[in-house]
Each structure stands twice: as structure tokens, then as C-alpha cells.
PDB file of N, CA and C in Angstrom:
ATOM      1  N   MET A   1      -2.795 -28.383 -13.582  1.00  0.00           N
ATOM      2  CA  MET A   1      -2.021 -27.371 -14.266  1.00  0.00           C
ATOM      3  C   MET A   1      -1.447 -26.350 -13.284  1.00  0.00           C
ATOM      4  N   THR A   2      -2.216 -26.025 -12.261  1.00  0.00           N
ATOM      5  CA  THR A   2      -1.742 -25.058 -11.281  1.00  0.00           C
ATOM      6  C   THR A   2      -0.542 -25.607 -10.518  1.00  0.00           C
ATOM      7  N   ILE A   3      -0.584 -26.899 -10.207  1.00  0.00           N
ATOM      8  CA  ILE A   3       0.535 -27.516  -9.492  1.00  0.00           C
ATOM      9  C   ILE A   3       1.793 -27.484 -10.351  1.00  0.00           C
ATOM     10  N   LEU A   4       1.649 -27.745 -11.640  1.00  0.00           N
ATOM     11  CA  LEU A   4       2.790 -27.692 -12.550  1.00  0.00           C
ATOM     12  C   LEU A   4       3.340 -26.267 -12.652  1.00  0.00           C
ATOM     13  N   LEU A   5       2.444 -25.292 -12.686  1.00  0.00           N
ATOM     14  CA  LEU A   5       2.866 -23.890 -12.738  1.00  0.00           C
ATOM     15  C   LEU A   5       3.698 -23.526 -11.508  1.00  0.00           C
ATOM     16  N   TYR A   6       3.196 -23.881 -10.334  1.00  0.00           N
ATOM     17  CA  TYR A   6       3.941 -23.585  -9.114  1.00  0.00           C
ATOM     18  C   TYR A   6       5.238 -24.388  -9.041  1.00  0.00           C
ATOM     19  N   ALA A   7       5.233 -25.606  -9.552  1.00  0.00           N
ATOM     20  CA  ALA A   7       6.451 -26.425  -9.558  1.00  0.00           C
ATOM     21  C   ALA A   7       7.531 -25.779 -10.428  1.00  0.00           C
ATOM     22  N   LEU A   8       7.131 -25.209 -11.562  1.00  0.00           N
ATOM     23  CA  LEU A   8       8.103 -24.521 -12.416  1.00  0.00           C
ATOM     24  C   LEU A   8       8.722 -23.329 -11.687  1.00  0.00           C
ATOM     25  N   PHE A   9       7.924 -22.621 -10.926  1.00  0.00           N
ATOM     26  CA  PHE A   9       8.434 -21.469 -10.181  1.00  0.00           C
ATOM     27  C   PHE A   9       9.324 -21.907  -9.019  1.00  0.00           C
ATOM     28  N   VAL A  10       8.959 -22.986  -8.345  1.00  0.00           N
ATOM     29  CA  VAL A  10       9.759 -23.460  -7.216  1.00  0.00           C
ATOM     30  C   VAL A  10      11.111 -23.969  -7.704  1.00  0.00           C
ATOM     31  N   VAL A  11      11.148 -24.598  -8.855  1.00  0.00           N
ATOM     32  CA  VAL A  11      12.405 -25.094  -9.413  1.00  0.00           C
ATOM     33  C   VAL A  11      13.279 -23.927  -9.885  1.00  0.00           C
ATOM     34  N   GLY A  12      12.680 -22.802 -10.241  1.00  0.00           N
ATOM     35  CA  GLY A  12      13.437 -21.617 -10.630  1.00  0.00           C
ATOM     36  C   GLY A  12      13.527 -21.380 -12.121  1.00  0.00           C
ATOM     37  N   ILE A  13      12.646 -21.997 -12.883  1.00  0.00           N
ATOM     38  CA  ILE A  13      12.675 -21.852 -14.341  1.00  0.00           C
ATOM     39  C   ILE A  13      12.500 -20.396 -14.789  1.00  0.00           C
ATOM     40  N   PRO A  14      11.569 -19.611 -14.216  1.00  0.00           N
ATOM     41  CA  PRO A  14      11.443 -18.215 -14.667  1.00  0.00           C
ATOM     42  C   PRO A  14      12.713 -17.397 -14.448  1.00  0.00           C
ATOM     43  N   ASN A  15      13.442 -17.686 -13.389  1.00  0.00           N
ATOM     44  CA  ASN A  15      14.665 -16.929 -13.142  1.00  0.00           C
ATOM     45  C   ASN A  15      15.758 -17.304 -14.135  1.00  0.00           C
ATOM     46  N   ILE A  16      15.846 -18.577 -14.489  1.00  0.00           N
ATOM     47  CA  ILE A  16      16.848 -19.001 -15.469  1.00  0.00           C
ATOM     48  C   ILE A  16      16.529 -18.412 -16.834  1.00  0.00           C
ATOM     49  N   VAL A  17      15.278 -18.513 -17.247  1.00  0.00           N
ATOM     50  CA  VAL A  17      14.870 -17.949 -18.536  1.00  0.00           C
ATOM     51  C   VAL A  17      14.957 -16.424 -18.495  1.00  0.00           C
ATOM     52  N   GLY A  18      14.655 -15.847 -17.336  1.00  0.00           N
ATOM     53  CA  GLY A  18      14.717 -14.398 -17.183  1.00  0.00           C
ATOM     54  C   GLY A  18      16.113 -13.845 -17.344  1.00  0.00           C
ATOM     55  N   ILE A  19      17.106 -14.598 -16.910  1.00  0.00           N
ATOM     56  CA  ILE A  19      18.487 -14.156 -17.113  1.00  0.00           C
ATOM     57  C   ILE A  19      18.789 -14.091 -18.604  1.00  0.00           C
ATOM     58  N   LEU A  20      18.277 -15.036 -19.364  1.00  0.00           N
ATOM     59  CA  LEU A  20      18.472 -15.002 -20.819  1.00  0.00           C
ATOM     60  C   LEU A  20      17.756 -13.811 -21.446  1.00  0.00           C
ATOM     61  N   PHE A  21      16.530 -13.505 -20.973  1.00  0.00           N
ATOM     62  CA  PHE A  21      15.797 -12.338 -21.471  1.00  0.00           C
ATOM     63  C   PHE A  21      16.531 -11.044 -21.147  1.00  0.00           C
ATOM     64  N   SER A  22      17.099 -11.001 -19.963  1.00  0.00           N
ATOM     65  CA  SER A  22      17.712  -9.749 -19.529  1.00  0.00           C
ATOM     66  C   SER A  22      19.005  -9.445 -20.281  1.00  0.00           C
ATOM     67  N   PHE A  23      19.615 -10.439 -20.914  1.00  0.00           N
ATOM     68  CA  PHE A  23      20.793 -10.141 -21.727  1.00  0.00           C
ATOM     69  C   PHE A  23      20.450  -9.206 -22.878  1.00  0.00           C
ATOM     70  N   LEU A  24      19.199  -9.234 -23.326  1.00  0.00           N
ATOM     71  CA  LEU A  24      18.769  -8.308 -24.373  1.00  0.00           C
ATOM     72  C   LEU A  24      18.612  -6.888 -23.830  1.00  0.00           C
ATOM     73  N   LEU A  25      18.331  -6.773 -22.535  1.00  0.00           N
ATOM     74  CA  LEU A  25      18.096  -5.472 -21.915  1.00  0.00           C
ATOM     75  C   LEU A  25      19.331  -4.884 -21.236  1.00  0.00           C
ATOM     76  N   LEU A  26      20.394  -5.668 -21.089  1.00  0.00           N
ATOM     77  CA  LEU A  26      21.560  -5.190 -20.347  1.00  0.00           C
ATOM     78  C   LEU A  26      22.247  -3.969 -20.945  1.00  0.00           C
ATOM     79  N   PRO A  27      22.233  -3.759 -22.270  1.00  0.00           N
ATOM     80  CA  PRO A  27      22.814  -2.495 -22.749  1.00  0.00           C
ATOM     81  C   PRO A  27      22.124  -1.262 -22.163  1.00  0.00           C
ATOM     82  N   LEU A  28      20.836  -1.363 -21.847  1.00  0.00           N
ATOM     83  CA  LEU A  28      20.155  -0.243 -21.193  1.00  0.00           C
ATOM     84  C   LEU A  28      20.656  -0.051 -19.766  1.00  0.00           C
ATOM     85  N   ALA A  29      21.002  -1.146 -19.107  1.00  0.00           N
ATOM     86  CA  ALA A  29      21.502  -1.053 -17.737  1.00  0.00           C
ATOM     87  C   ALA A  29      22.889  -0.436 -17.691  1.00  0.00           C
ATOM     88  N   ALA A  30      23.611  -0.508 -18.795  1.00  0.00           N
ATOM     89  CA  ALA A  30      24.960   0.072 -18.846  1.00  0.00           C
ATOM     90  C   ALA A  30      24.936   1.550 -19.199  1.00  0.00           C
ATOM     91  N   PHE A  31      23.761   2.153 -19.248  1.00  0.00           N
ATOM     92  CA  PHE A  31      23.642   3.561 -19.612  1.00  0.00           C
ATOM     93  C   PHE A  31      24.478   4.488 -18.724  1.00  0.00           C
ATOM     94  N   PRO A  32      24.514   4.283 -17.396  1.00  0.00           N
ATOM     95  CA  PRO A  32      25.375   5.165 -16.585  1.00  0.00           C
ATOM     96  C   PRO A  32      26.852   5.062 -16.980  1.00  0.00           C
ATOM     97  N   ARG A  33      27.244   3.935 -17.490  1.00  0.00           N
ATOM     98  CA  ARG A  33      28.639   3.764 -17.916  1.00  0.00           C
ATOM     99  C   ARG A  33      28.945   4.605 -19.146  1.00  0.00           C
ATOM    100  N   TRP A  34      27.931   4.862 -19.966  1.00  0.00           N
ATOM    101  CA  TRP A  34      28.127   5.719 -21.146  1.00  0.00           C
ATOM    102  C   TRP A  34      28.334   7.170 -20.712  1.00  0.00           C
ATOM    103  N   ILE A  35      27.615   7.584 -19.673  1.00  0.00           N
ATOM    104  CA  ILE A  35      27.716   8.965 -19.200  1.00  0.00           C
ATOM    105  C   ILE A  35      29.006   9.172 -18.413  1.00  0.00           C
ATOM    106  N   PHE A  36      29.293   8.227 -17.508  1.00  0.00           N
ATOM    107  CA  PHE A  36      30.494   8.302 -16.668  1.00  0.00           C
ATOM    108  C   PHE A  36      31.388   7.105 -16.990  1.00  0.00           C
ATOM    109  N   PRO A  37      32.271   7.215 -17.976  1.00  0.00           N
ATOM    110  CA  PRO A  37      33.049   6.044 -18.388  1.00  0.00           C
ATOM    111  C   PRO A  37      33.996   5.497 -17.318  1.00  0.00           C
ATOM    112  N   ARG A  38      34.369   6.304 -16.348  1.00  0.00           N
ATOM    113  CA  ARG A  38      35.325   5.845 -15.333  1.00  0.00           C
ATOM    114  C   ARG A  38      34.633   5.344 -14.071  1.00  0.00           C
ATOM    115  N   ILE A  39      33.338   5.086 -14.138  1.00  0.00           N
ATOM    116  CA  ILE A  39      32.588   4.636 -12.971  1.00  0.00           C
ATOM    117  C   ILE A  39      33.028   3.216 -12.593  1.00  0.00           C
ATOM    118  N   SER A  40      33.126   2.949 -11.295  1.00  0.00           N
ATOM    119  CA  SER A  40      33.541   1.619 -10.864  1.00  0.00           C
ATOM    120  C   SER A  40      32.361   0.654 -10.956  1.00  0.00           C
ATOM    121  N   LEU A  41      32.663  -0.631 -11.060  1.00  0.00           N
ATOM    122  CA  LEU A  41      31.615  -1.638 -11.210  1.00  0.00           C
ATOM    123  C   LEU A  41      30.786  -1.823  -9.953  1.00  0.00           C
ATOM    124  N   ASN A  42      31.274  -1.397  -8.800  1.00  0.00           N
ATOM    125  CA  ASN A  42      30.526  -1.523  -7.551  1.00  0.00           C
ATOM    126  C   ASN A  42      29.737  -0.270  -7.200  1.00  0.00           C
ATOM    127  N   ASN A  43      29.753   0.714  -8.058  1.00  0.00           N
ATOM    128  CA  ASN A  43      29.044   1.960  -7.812  1.00  0.00           C
ATOM    129  C   ASN A  43      27.536   1.719  -7.912  1.00  0.00           C
ATOM    130  N   PRO A  44      26.740   2.240  -6.960  1.00  0.00           N
ATOM    131  CA  PRO A  44      25.288   2.043  -7.027  1.00  0.00           C
ATOM    132  C   PRO A  44      24.647   2.577  -8.307  1.00  0.00           C
ATOM    133  N   LEU A  45      25.263   3.589  -8.934  1.00  0.00           N
ATOM    134  CA  LEU A  45      24.708   4.080 -10.202  1.00  0.00           C
ATOM    135  C   LEU A  45      24.735   3.014 -11.291  1.00  0.00           C
ATOM    136  N   LEU A  46      25.609   2.055 -11.171  1.00  0.00           N
ATOM    137  CA  LEU A  46      25.689   0.971 -12.147  1.00  0.00           C
ATOM    138  C   LEU A  46      25.035  -0.302 -11.633  1.00  0.00           C
ATOM    139  N   VAL A  47      25.103  -0.540 -10.335  1.00  0.00           N
ATOM    140  CA  VAL A  47      24.591  -1.778  -9.752  1.00  0.00           C
ATOM    141  C   VAL A  47      23.057  -1.802  -9.753  1.00  0.00           C
ATOM    142  N   ILE A  48      22.433  -0.689  -9.440  1.00  0.00           N
ATOM    143  CA  ILE A  48      20.970  -0.654  -9.361  1.00  0.00           C
ATOM    144  C   ILE A  48      20.310  -0.905 -10.724  1.00  0.00           C
ATOM    145  N   PRO A  49      20.718  -0.233 -11.809  1.00  0.00           N
ATOM    146  CA  PRO A  49      20.088  -0.542 -13.097  1.00  0.00           C
ATOM    147  C   PRO A  49      20.353  -1.975 -13.572  1.00  0.00           C
ATOM    148  N   THR A  50      21.527  -2.509 -13.240  1.00  0.00           N
ATOM    149  CA  THR A  50      21.824  -3.882 -13.638  1.00  0.00           C
ATOM    150  C   THR A  50      20.902  -4.866 -12.923  1.00  0.00           C
ATOM    151  N   GLY A  51      20.749  -4.724 -11.619  1.00  0.00           N
ATOM    152  CA  GLY A  51      19.854  -5.601 -10.866  1.00  0.00           C
ATOM    153  C   GLY A  51      18.404  -5.444 -11.290  1.00  0.00           C
ATOM    154  N   PHE A  52      17.989  -4.207 -11.526  1.00  0.00           N
ATOM    155  CA  PHE A  52      16.608  -3.962 -11.952  1.00  0.00           C
ATOM    156  C   PHE A  52      16.341  -4.604 -13.315  1.00  0.00           C
ATOM    157  N   THR A  53      17.319  -4.519 -14.212  1.00  0.00           N
ATOM    158  CA  THR A  53      17.161  -5.129 -15.536  1.00  0.00           C
ATOM    159  C   THR A  53      17.074  -6.643 -15.435  1.00  0.00           C
ATOM    160  N   LEU A  54      17.895  -7.242 -14.582  1.00  0.00           N
ATOM    161  CA  LEU A  54      17.806  -8.691 -14.382  1.00  0.00           C
ATOM    162  C   LEU A  54      16.451  -9.067 -13.790  1.00  0.00           C
ATOM    163  N   GLY A  55      15.942  -8.251 -12.882  1.00  0.00           N
ATOM    164  CA  GLY A  55      14.621  -8.492 -12.315  1.00  0.00           C
ATOM    165  C   GLY A  55      13.515  -8.352 -13.353  1.00  0.00           C
ATOM    166  N   LEU A  56      13.662  -7.379 -14.251  1.00  0.00           N
ATOM    167  CA  LEU A  56      12.673  -7.241 -15.335  1.00  0.00           C
ATOM    168  C   LEU A  56      12.640  -8.491 -16.193  1.00  0.00           C
ATOM    169  N   GLY A  57      13.816  -9.026 -16.507  1.00  0.00           N
ATOM    170  CA  GLY A  57      13.868 -10.253 -17.310  1.00  0.00           C
ATOM    171  C   GLY A  57      13.205 -11.421 -16.608  1.00  0.00           C
ATOM    172  N   CYS A  58      13.470 -11.572 -15.310  1.00  0.00           N
ATOM    173  CA  CYS A  58      12.843 -12.659 -14.542  1.00  0.00           C
ATOM    174  C   CYS A  58      11.334 -12.461 -14.436  1.00  0.00           C
ATOM    175  N   GLY A  59      10.906 -11.227 -14.247  1.00  0.00           N
ATOM    176  CA  GLY A  59       9.470 -10.953 -14.183  1.00  0.00           C
ATOM    177  C   GLY A  59       8.773 -11.210 -15.501  1.00  0.00           C
ATOM    178  N   ILE A  60       9.404 -10.803 -16.599  1.00  0.00           N
ATOM    179  CA  ILE A  60       8.815 -11.038 -17.921  1.00  0.00           C
ATOM    180  C   ILE A  60       8.703 -12.528 -18.191  1.00  0.00           C
ATOM    181  N   ALA A  61       9.736 -13.288 -17.853  1.00  0.00           N
ATOM    182  CA  ALA A  61       9.684 -14.740 -18.056  1.00  0.00           C
ATOM    183  C   ALA A  61       8.577 -15.364 -17.211  1.00  0.00           C
ATOM    184  N   GLY A  62       8.439 -14.909 -15.968  1.00  0.00           N
ATOM    185  CA  GLY A  62       7.382 -15.444 -15.110  1.00  0.00           C
ATOM    186  C   GLY A  62       5.994 -15.128 -15.631  1.00  0.00           C
ATOM    187  N   VAL A  63       5.799 -13.906 -16.099  1.00  0.00           N
ATOM    188  CA  VAL A  63       4.492 -13.517 -16.648  1.00  0.00           C
ATOM    189  C   VAL A  63       4.189 -14.305 -17.921  1.00  0.00           C
ATOM    190  N   LEU A  64       5.182 -14.509 -18.763  1.00  0.00           N
ATOM    191  CA  LEU A  64       4.963 -15.290 -19.982  1.00  0.00           C
ATOM    192  C   LEU A  64       4.594 -16.731 -19.665  1.00  0.00           C
ATOM    193  N   ILE A  65       5.227 -17.316 -18.663  1.00  0.00           N
ATOM    194  CA  ILE A  65       4.874 -18.683 -18.267  1.00  0.00           C
ATOM    195  C   ILE A  65       3.440 -18.734 -17.752  1.00  0.00           C
ATOM    196  N   VAL A  66       3.056 -17.748 -16.950  1.00  0.00           N
ATOM    197  CA  VAL A  66       1.685 -17.704 -16.440  1.00  0.00           C
ATOM    198  C   VAL A  66       0.691 -17.530 -17.586  1.00  0.00           C
ATOM    199  N   MET A  67       1.031 -16.687 -18.564  1.00  0.00           N
ATOM    200  CA  MET A  67       0.133 -16.480 -19.704  1.00  0.00           C
ATOM    201  C   MET A  67       0.014 -17.757 -20.545  1.00  0.00           C
ATOM    202  N   LEU A  68       1.097 -18.517 -20.658  1.00  0.00           N
ATOM    203  CA  LEU A  68       1.032 -19.779 -21.392  1.00  0.00           C
ATOM    204  C   LEU A  68       0.106 -20.776 -20.709  1.00  0.00           C
ATOM    205  N   PHE A  69       0.085 -20.753 -19.385  1.00  0.00           N
ATOM    206  CA  PHE A  69      -0.794 -21.657 -18.649  1.00  0.00           C
ATOM    207  C   PHE A  69      -2.219 -21.127 -18.561  1.00  0.00           C
ATOM    208  N   GLY A  70      -2.423 -19.851 -18.836  1.00  0.00           N
ATOM    209  CA  GLY A  70      -3.755 -19.269 -18.817  1.00  0.00           C
ATOM    210  C   GLY A  70      -4.340 -19.115 -17.425  1.00  0.00           C
ATOM    211  N   LYS A  71      -3.500 -18.967 -16.435  1.00  0.00           N
ATOM    212  CA  LYS A  71      -3.967 -18.823 -15.055  1.00  0.00           C
ATOM    213  C   LYS A  71      -3.800 -17.383 -14.597  1.00  0.00           C
ATOM    214  N   LEU A  72      -4.589 -16.986 -13.621  1.00  0.00           N
ATOM    215  CA  LEU A  72      -4.415 -15.681 -12.988  1.00  0.00           C
ATOM    216  C   LEU A  72      -3.644 -15.907 -11.694  1.00  0.00           C
ATOM    217  N   PRO A  73      -2.406 -15.423 -11.636  1.00  0.00           N
ATOM    218  CA  PRO A  73      -1.557 -15.754 -10.490  1.00  0.00           C
ATOM    219  C   PRO A  73      -1.880 -14.941  -9.258  1.00  0.00           C
ATOM    220  N   GLY A  74      -1.538 -15.503  -8.139  1.00  0.00           N
ATOM    221  CA  GLY A  74      -1.632 -14.778  -6.885  1.00  0.00           C
ATOM    222  C   GLY A  74      -0.299 -14.144  -6.551  1.00  0.00           C
ATOM    223  N   GLY A  75      -0.155 -13.751  -5.321  1.00  0.00           N
ATOM    224  CA  GLY A  75       1.073 -13.092  -4.908  1.00  0.00           C
ATOM    225  C   GLY A  75       2.224 -14.034  -4.616  1.00  0.00           C
ATOM    226  N   ALA A  76       1.972 -15.334  -4.632  1.00  0.00           N
ATOM    227  CA  ALA A  76       3.034 -16.284  -4.293  1.00  0.00           C
ATOM    228  C   ALA A  76       4.064 -16.425  -5.407  1.00  0.00           C
ATOM    229  N   LEU A  77       3.668 -16.273  -6.647  1.00  0.00           N
ATOM    230  CA  LEU A  77       4.608 -16.499  -7.748  1.00  0.00           C
ATOM    231  C   LEU A  77       5.730 -15.459  -7.791  1.00  0.00           C
ATOM    232  N   PRO A  78       5.447 -14.164  -7.703  1.00  0.00           N
ATOM    233  CA  PRO A  78       6.581 -13.235  -7.649  1.00  0.00           C
ATOM    234  C   PRO A  78       7.383 -13.365  -6.360  1.00  0.00           C
ATOM    235  N   LEU A  79       6.742 -13.803  -5.290  1.00  0.00           N
ATOM    236  CA  LEU A  79       7.454 -14.022  -4.039  1.00  0.00           C
ATOM    237  C   LEU A  79       8.470 -15.158  -4.198  1.00  0.00           C
ATOM    238  N   ILE A  80       8.072 -16.227  -4.877  1.00  0.00           N
ATOM    239  CA  ILE A  80       8.986 -17.348  -5.106  1.00  0.00           C
ATOM    240  C   ILE A  80      10.162 -16.902  -5.966  1.00  0.00           C
ATOM    241  N   SER A  81       9.905 -16.143  -7.032  1.00  0.00           N
ATOM    242  CA  SER A  81      10.995 -15.645  -7.873  1.00  0.00           C
ATOM    243  C   SER A  81      11.914 -14.710  -7.097  1.00  0.00           C
ATOM    244  N   SER A  82      11.339 -13.898  -6.243  1.00  0.00           N
ATOM    245  CA  SER A  82      12.150 -12.974  -5.439  1.00  0.00           C
ATOM    246  C   SER A  82      13.036 -13.732  -4.461  1.00  0.00           C
ATOM    247  N   ILE A  83      12.501 -14.769  -3.859  1.00  0.00           N
ATOM    248  CA  ILE A  83      13.292 -15.572  -2.930  1.00  0.00           C
ATOM    249  C   ILE A  83      14.455 -16.231  -3.658  1.00  0.00           C
ATOM    250  N   TRP A  84      14.198 -16.733  -4.878  1.00  0.00           N
ATOM    251  CA  TRP A  84      15.281 -17.319  -5.658  1.00  0.00           C
ATOM    252  C   TRP A  84      16.365 -16.284  -5.953  1.00  0.00           C
ATOM    253  N   ALA A  85      15.955 -15.071  -6.300  1.00  0.00           N
ATOM    254  CA  ALA A  85      16.933 -14.022  -6.590  1.00  0.00           C
ATOM    255  C   ALA A  85      17.749 -13.689  -5.347  1.00  0.00           C
ATOM    256  N   LEU A  86      17.087 -13.581  -4.199  1.00  0.00           N
ATOM    257  CA  LEU A  86      17.810 -13.266  -2.967  1.00  0.00           C
ATOM    258  C   LEU A  86      18.750 -14.393  -2.558  1.00  0.00           C
ATOM    259  N   ILE A  87      18.333 -15.640  -2.782  1.00  0.00           N
ATOM    260  CA  ILE A  87      19.222 -16.774  -2.500  1.00  0.00           C
ATOM    261  C   ILE A  87      20.452 -16.707  -3.392  1.00  0.00           C
ATOM    262  N   TYR A  88      20.239 -16.395  -4.666  1.00  0.00           N
ATOM    263  CA  TYR A  88      21.364 -16.304  -5.600  1.00  0.00           C
ATOM    264  C   TYR A  88      22.361 -15.234  -5.164  1.00  0.00           C
ATOM    265  N   TYR A  89      21.861 -14.051  -4.864  1.00  0.00           N
ATOM    266  CA  TYR A  89      22.757 -12.954  -4.500  1.00  0.00           C
ATOM    267  C   TYR A  89      23.445 -13.193  -3.158  1.00  0.00           C
ATOM    268  N   SER A  90      22.742 -13.759  -2.191  1.00  0.00           N
ATOM    269  CA  SER A  90      23.376 -13.985  -0.890  1.00  0.00           C
ATOM    270  C   SER A  90      24.355 -15.155  -0.934  1.00  0.00           C
ATOM    271  N   ALA A  91      24.080 -16.174  -1.744  1.00  0.00           N
ATOM    272  CA  ALA A  91      24.997 -17.310  -1.840  1.00  0.00           C
ATOM    273  C   ALA A  91      26.316 -16.911  -2.494  1.00  0.00           C
ATOM    274  N   ARG A  92      26.253 -15.978  -3.416  1.00  0.00           N
ATOM    275  CA  ARG A  92      27.462 -15.536  -4.109  1.00  0.00           C
ATOM    276  C   ARG A  92      28.075 -14.278  -3.479  1.00  0.00           C
ATOM    277  N   ARG A  93      27.493 -13.840  -2.374  1.00  0.00           N
ATOM    278  CA  ARG A  93      27.955 -12.644  -1.651  1.00  0.00           C
ATOM    279  C   ARG A  93      28.028 -11.426  -2.570  1.00  0.00           C
ATOM    280  N   GLN A  94      26.976 -11.268  -3.367  1.00  0.00           N
ATOM    281  CA  GLN A  94      26.876 -10.116  -4.257  1.00  0.00           C
ATOM    282  C   GLN A  94      26.301  -8.928  -3.486  1.00  0.00           C
ATOM    283  N   SER A  95      26.228  -7.816  -4.165  1.00  0.00           N
ATOM    284  CA  SER A  95      25.737  -6.582  -3.555  1.00  0.00           C
ATOM    285  C   SER A  95      24.264  -6.718  -3.155  1.00  0.00           C
ATOM    286  N   LYS A  96      23.950  -6.302  -1.936  1.00  0.00           N
ATOM    287  CA  LYS A  96      22.558  -6.348  -1.471  1.00  0.00           C
ATOM    288  C   LYS A  96      21.707  -5.308  -2.193  1.00  0.00           C
ATOM    289  N   ILE A  97      22.323  -4.216  -2.600  1.00  0.00           N
ATOM    290  CA  ILE A  97      21.587  -3.195  -3.359  1.00  0.00           C
ATOM    291  C   ILE A  97      21.134  -3.784  -4.690  1.00  0.00           C
ATOM    292  N   GLU A  98      22.008  -4.526  -5.337  1.00  0.00           N
ATOM    293  CA  GLU A  98      21.643  -5.152  -6.606  1.00  0.00           C
ATOM    294  C   GLU A  98      20.577  -6.216  -6.396  1.00  0.00           C
ATOM    295  N   ALA A  99      20.658  -6.946  -5.289  1.00  0.00           N
ATOM    296  CA  ALA A  99      19.664  -7.983  -5.001  1.00  0.00           C
ATOM    297  C   ALA A  99      18.271  -7.371  -4.833  1.00  0.00           C
ATOM    298  N   PHE A 100      18.185  -6.295  -4.060  1.00  0.00           N
ATOM    299  CA  PHE A 100      16.875  -5.696  -3.832  1.00  0.00           C
ATOM    300  C   PHE A 100      16.373  -4.934  -5.052  1.00  0.00           C
ATOM    301  N   SER A 101      17.269  -4.438  -5.889  1.00  0.00           N
ATOM    302  CA  SER A 101      16.806  -3.833  -7.139  1.00  0.00           C
ATOM    303  C   SER A 101      16.318  -4.912  -8.099  1.00  0.00           C
ATOM    304  N   ASN A 102      16.887  -6.113  -8.011  1.00  0.00           N
ATOM    305  CA  ASN A 102      16.379  -7.243  -8.795  1.00  0.00           C
ATOM    306  C   ASN A 102      14.954  -7.583  -8.361  1.00  0.00           C
ATOM    307  N   VAL A 103      14.732  -7.633  -7.060  1.00  0.00           N
ATOM    308  CA  VAL A 103      13.387  -7.906  -6.538  1.00  0.00           C
ATOM    309  C   VAL A 103      12.416  -6.803  -6.967  1.00  0.00           C
ATOM    310  N   ALA A 104      12.875  -5.561  -6.969  1.00  0.00           N
ATOM    311  CA  ALA A 104      12.020  -4.454  -7.418  1.00  0.00           C
ATOM    312  C   ALA A 104      11.655  -4.612  -8.888  1.00  0.00           C
ATOM    313  N   GLY A 105      12.583  -5.093  -9.706  1.00  0.00           N
ATOM    314  CA  GLY A 105      12.288  -5.330 -11.121  1.00  0.00           C
ATOM    315  C   GLY A 105      11.266  -6.430 -11.312  1.00  0.00           C
ATOM    316  N   ILE A 106      11.387  -7.489 -10.513  1.00  0.00           N
ATOM    317  CA  ILE A 106      10.407  -8.591 -10.595  1.00  0.00           C
ATOM    318  C   ILE A 106       9.018  -8.072 -10.251  1.00  0.00           C
ATOM    319  N   TYR A 107       8.918  -7.334  -9.149  1.00  0.00           N
ATOM    320  CA  TYR A 107       7.603  -6.835  -8.730  1.00  0.00           C
ATOM    321  C   TYR A 107       7.069  -5.743  -9.661  1.00  0.00           C
ATOM    322  N   ALA A 108       7.937  -4.996 -10.316  1.00  0.00           N
ATOM    323  CA  ALA A 108       7.472  -3.981 -11.274  1.00  0.00           C
ATOM    324  C   ALA A 108       6.740  -4.640 -12.435  1.00  0.00           C
ATOM    325  N   VAL A 109       7.299  -5.728 -12.940  1.00  0.00           N
ATOM    326  CA  VAL A 109       6.648  -6.432 -14.058  1.00  0.00           C
ATOM    327  C   VAL A 109       5.340  -7.065 -13.598  1.00  0.00           C
ATOM    328  N   TRP A 110       5.356  -7.705 -12.430  1.00  0.00           N
ATOM    329  CA  TRP A 110       4.130  -8.342 -11.955  1.00  0.00           C
ATOM    330  C   TRP A 110       3.042  -7.318 -11.644  1.00  0.00           C
ATOM    331  N   LEU A 111       3.415  -6.180 -11.094  1.00  0.00           N
ATOM    332  CA  LEU A 111       2.434  -5.133 -10.822  1.00  0.00           C
ATOM    333  C   LEU A 111       1.833  -4.611 -12.118  1.00  0.00           C
ATOM    334  N   ALA A 112       2.675  -4.411 -13.129  1.00  0.00           N
ATOM    335  CA  ALA A 112       2.167  -3.972 -14.438  1.00  0.00           C
ATOM    336  C   ALA A 112       1.231  -5.018 -15.027  1.00  0.00           C
ATOM    337  N   TYR A 113       1.566  -6.290 -14.857  1.00  0.00           N
ATOM    338  CA  TYR A 113       0.704  -7.366 -15.370  1.00  0.00           C
ATOM    339  C   TYR A 113      -0.632  -7.392 -14.641  1.00  0.00           C
ATOM    340  N   TRP A 114      -0.618  -7.245 -13.329  1.00  0.00           N
ATOM    341  CA  TRP A 114      -1.868  -7.258 -12.571  1.00  0.00           C
ATOM    342  C   TRP A 114      -2.748  -6.059 -12.918  1.00  0.00           C
ATOM    343  N   ILE A 115      -2.151  -4.886 -13.109  1.00  0.00           N
ATOM    344  CA  ILE A 115      -2.918  -3.715 -13.503  1.00  0.00           C
ATOM    345  C   ILE A 115      -3.511  -3.919 -14.888  1.00  0.00           C
ATOM    346  N   TRP A 116      -2.712  -4.472 -15.800  1.00  0.00           N
ATOM    347  CA  TRP A 116      -3.190  -4.723 -17.162  1.00  0.00           C
ATOM    348  C   TRP A 116      -4.346  -5.731 -17.154  1.00  0.00           C
ATOM    349  N   LYS A 117      -4.219  -6.784 -16.332  1.00  0.00           N
ATOM    350  CA  LYS A 117      -5.304  -7.779 -16.257  1.00  0.00           C
ATOM    351  C   LYS A 117      -6.558  -7.192 -15.617  1.00  0.00           C
ATOM    352  N   ALA A 118      -6.394  -6.312 -14.640  1.00  0.00           N
ATOM    353  CA  ALA A 118      -7.549  -5.703 -13.979  1.00  0.00           C
ATOM    354  C   ALA A 118      -8.305  -4.777 -14.934  1.00  0.00           C
ATOM    355  N   LYS A 119      -7.586  -4.098 -15.806  1.00  0.00           N
ATOM    356  CA  LYS A 119      -8.239  -3.203 -16.744  1.00  0.00           C
ATOM    357  C   LYS A 119      -8.927  -3.956 -17.872  1.00  0.00           C
ATOM    358  N   SER A 120      -8.434  -5.164 -18.176  1.00  0.00           N
ATOM    359  CA  SER A 120      -9.032  -5.911 -19.282  1.00  0.00           C
ATOM    360  C   SER A 120     -10.219  -6.751 -18.825  1.00  0.00           C
ATOM    361  N   VAL A 121     -10.486  -6.820 -17.517  1.00  0.00           N
ATOM    362  CA  VAL A 121     -11.614  -7.610 -17.003  1.00  0.00           C
ATOM    363  C   VAL A 121     -12.870  -6.833 -17.034  1.00  0.00           C
TER     364      VAL A 121
END
């Protein structure tokens, strides 16, 4: 089961499912656009929340997959998801700020999950 869990992460399933999850959260990422309607799409005030929201979606999908398998993950699983996110952003020549905010979103969810699991033990 552990090999299958890691295989799902290496193939990139949590990131694909996470993008679908993050579509539900993207209106929150557009909050700076509500305050400053004339903000450009490359402005860090808009890019950082968008990347962080996408990272939250990927992290939530990864945590849900781990919970379905009933395993306690190590540090390799969020690292694999982060590498996939960085590959995606660098291959498409997207903003590096958005890429690293995506990684921060992934690690925020995993850190919250690890703290929650530590308190429930």
C-alpha cells in the first residue's frame, strides 16, 4: 500500500486533483482584485494569493489521499508535490513568486495535518 501511495504522488495525482479543489477556493484568491479593480495580472498582490490557493488545493488533495490509505506520511510526499509544482511553473515560464507561493500552500496544509495528527496521538 505504501508503494502505491508513493506511486500516486510520483505520477502527480494529488496535484491534478488539487487543481480541481482549488477552483473552489480561487474566488478567495481574487480578493485583491475586488479591492483594486485595476490591478494587473502580474502584480504580486494577485499572484501570491493565486499560487497559495493552488498550493492549498494540492495539499488538501494529498492529505486526503494519505488519509484514504491510512498511512502516516513522511516528509517525502509534500516534497514530491512541491517538485511537481515547480516543474509545472518552470516549464511554462510562469512567475517564480507564484511557484514558491504554491509550494508554501502545499507545506501549509501538510504542516497543519502533521500538527493535527500529533495532537490526536
